[in-house]
Amino acid sequence: MQLFKYFILFSLSLTLINCGDTNSSKQTGLKLDLNGKSFQLGDTLKLSVKNPKTLEIQQIVYKLDGNEIKDNAILNDVSLGSKTLTASVTYGDNTEILSETIKIFNNVIPAIYTYEVVNTYPHDITSYTQGLEFYNGELYESTGQYKESKLRKVNFETGEILNNLDLDDNFFGEGLTVLNDKIYQLTWRAKRGFVYDVNSFEKLSTFNYGKSKEGWGICNDGKTLYKSDGTDRIWLLDPENLTEISHIEAYTEKGKIPALNELEWIDGKIFANIYQKDGVAIINPKTGGVEGIVNFKPLKKLVTQHSELDVLNGIAYHPERKTIFVTGKNWDKLFEVKISK
């Protein structure tokens, strides 16, 4: 038994030694060399491997987040954020993997958008709004708080509740989206979402989250679901099996945008509410680049001020009217707005 313990400790020590900096090898001296660690879209990534012992290298394969790239690659068709760059170096009968972490930022300054209120409608002041979306002209809403979370169909003009489903007390409701007559509703920290029939509100199935930390906002582009988890990440989900396919990271030209909350798909872009900021980021769904910012903060002053009043949350696009509907947590008004640069 004592000999076994020594063997375990020896093996662990070897593991710790071998898990050091993979950008260079102490044994061979091979080192991944690149022209920086921070880049913007459109920059050229120059790659090489330092070979101080002049090993006879047969091949070097470079990959960015698992996708093969060439030296002097122009960073155009890539997503933003933290990326793992690797070089697979083959010499003799050996192959060595070198790696480095880089960050890619957007290459444009976000445009600033203003808005015009074109209509104001009543909204349930007790609704802690988490998700808001139009589907076939009908407004659907998901609300939060433990023991108060709901799924609703609402007449947006009158505020009348047309259908209501209370969630179990142990679930904190979050965002929702509707695709192919199915409502997808998230919960906060239970790492579980629900799928309902849009007409009857019958629960069809449940699904669990993957690597995403929590459930915050969700939208769709007609094929893929996009889910936020309270960080700078937006996860792409397969609507058939609800698995997380990949993710994008929301970045400006300066850094990441954290706390992405309620999401809405509008004209090929993702509109993401930034939690606690009363603003909305307009995000390129392919790169994660933040292309615009809408400041809705003044709207909060137009609703009834009370002790339970909370932040802006709830974005719904009406494709026929080409307007955006916004509200907030425990707001008594729903605003129909038009935005412009």
Foldseek 3Di string as FASTA:
>chain_A
DVVVVVVVVVVVVVVVVVPPAQQADPVQRKGKDWDDQEEEQFDWIATDIDGVVPFAWDDKWKDKQNHTDDGRDHRHQAAFAKIKIWIFIDGDPDTGIGIDIHGYFYDDAAAEKEKDFPDKAFEFLQFQWAEWEDDPNWIWTWGFDAPATKTFIADRRHNDTPDIDDDHRVWTWHYWEDEPQWIWTFTFQPQKIWIARNPPRHTDDMDGADPQRTFFEWYDDRAWIWTHRQFQKIFIAGVVRRYTPGIHGAHENVGGQGGFGYWYDDPQWIWTDRPPQQKTFTARRSHNYGHHIYRRVVVLVVFDDDDQDDGKHYWYADVVVRWIWTDRGSTGMITTMDMDD
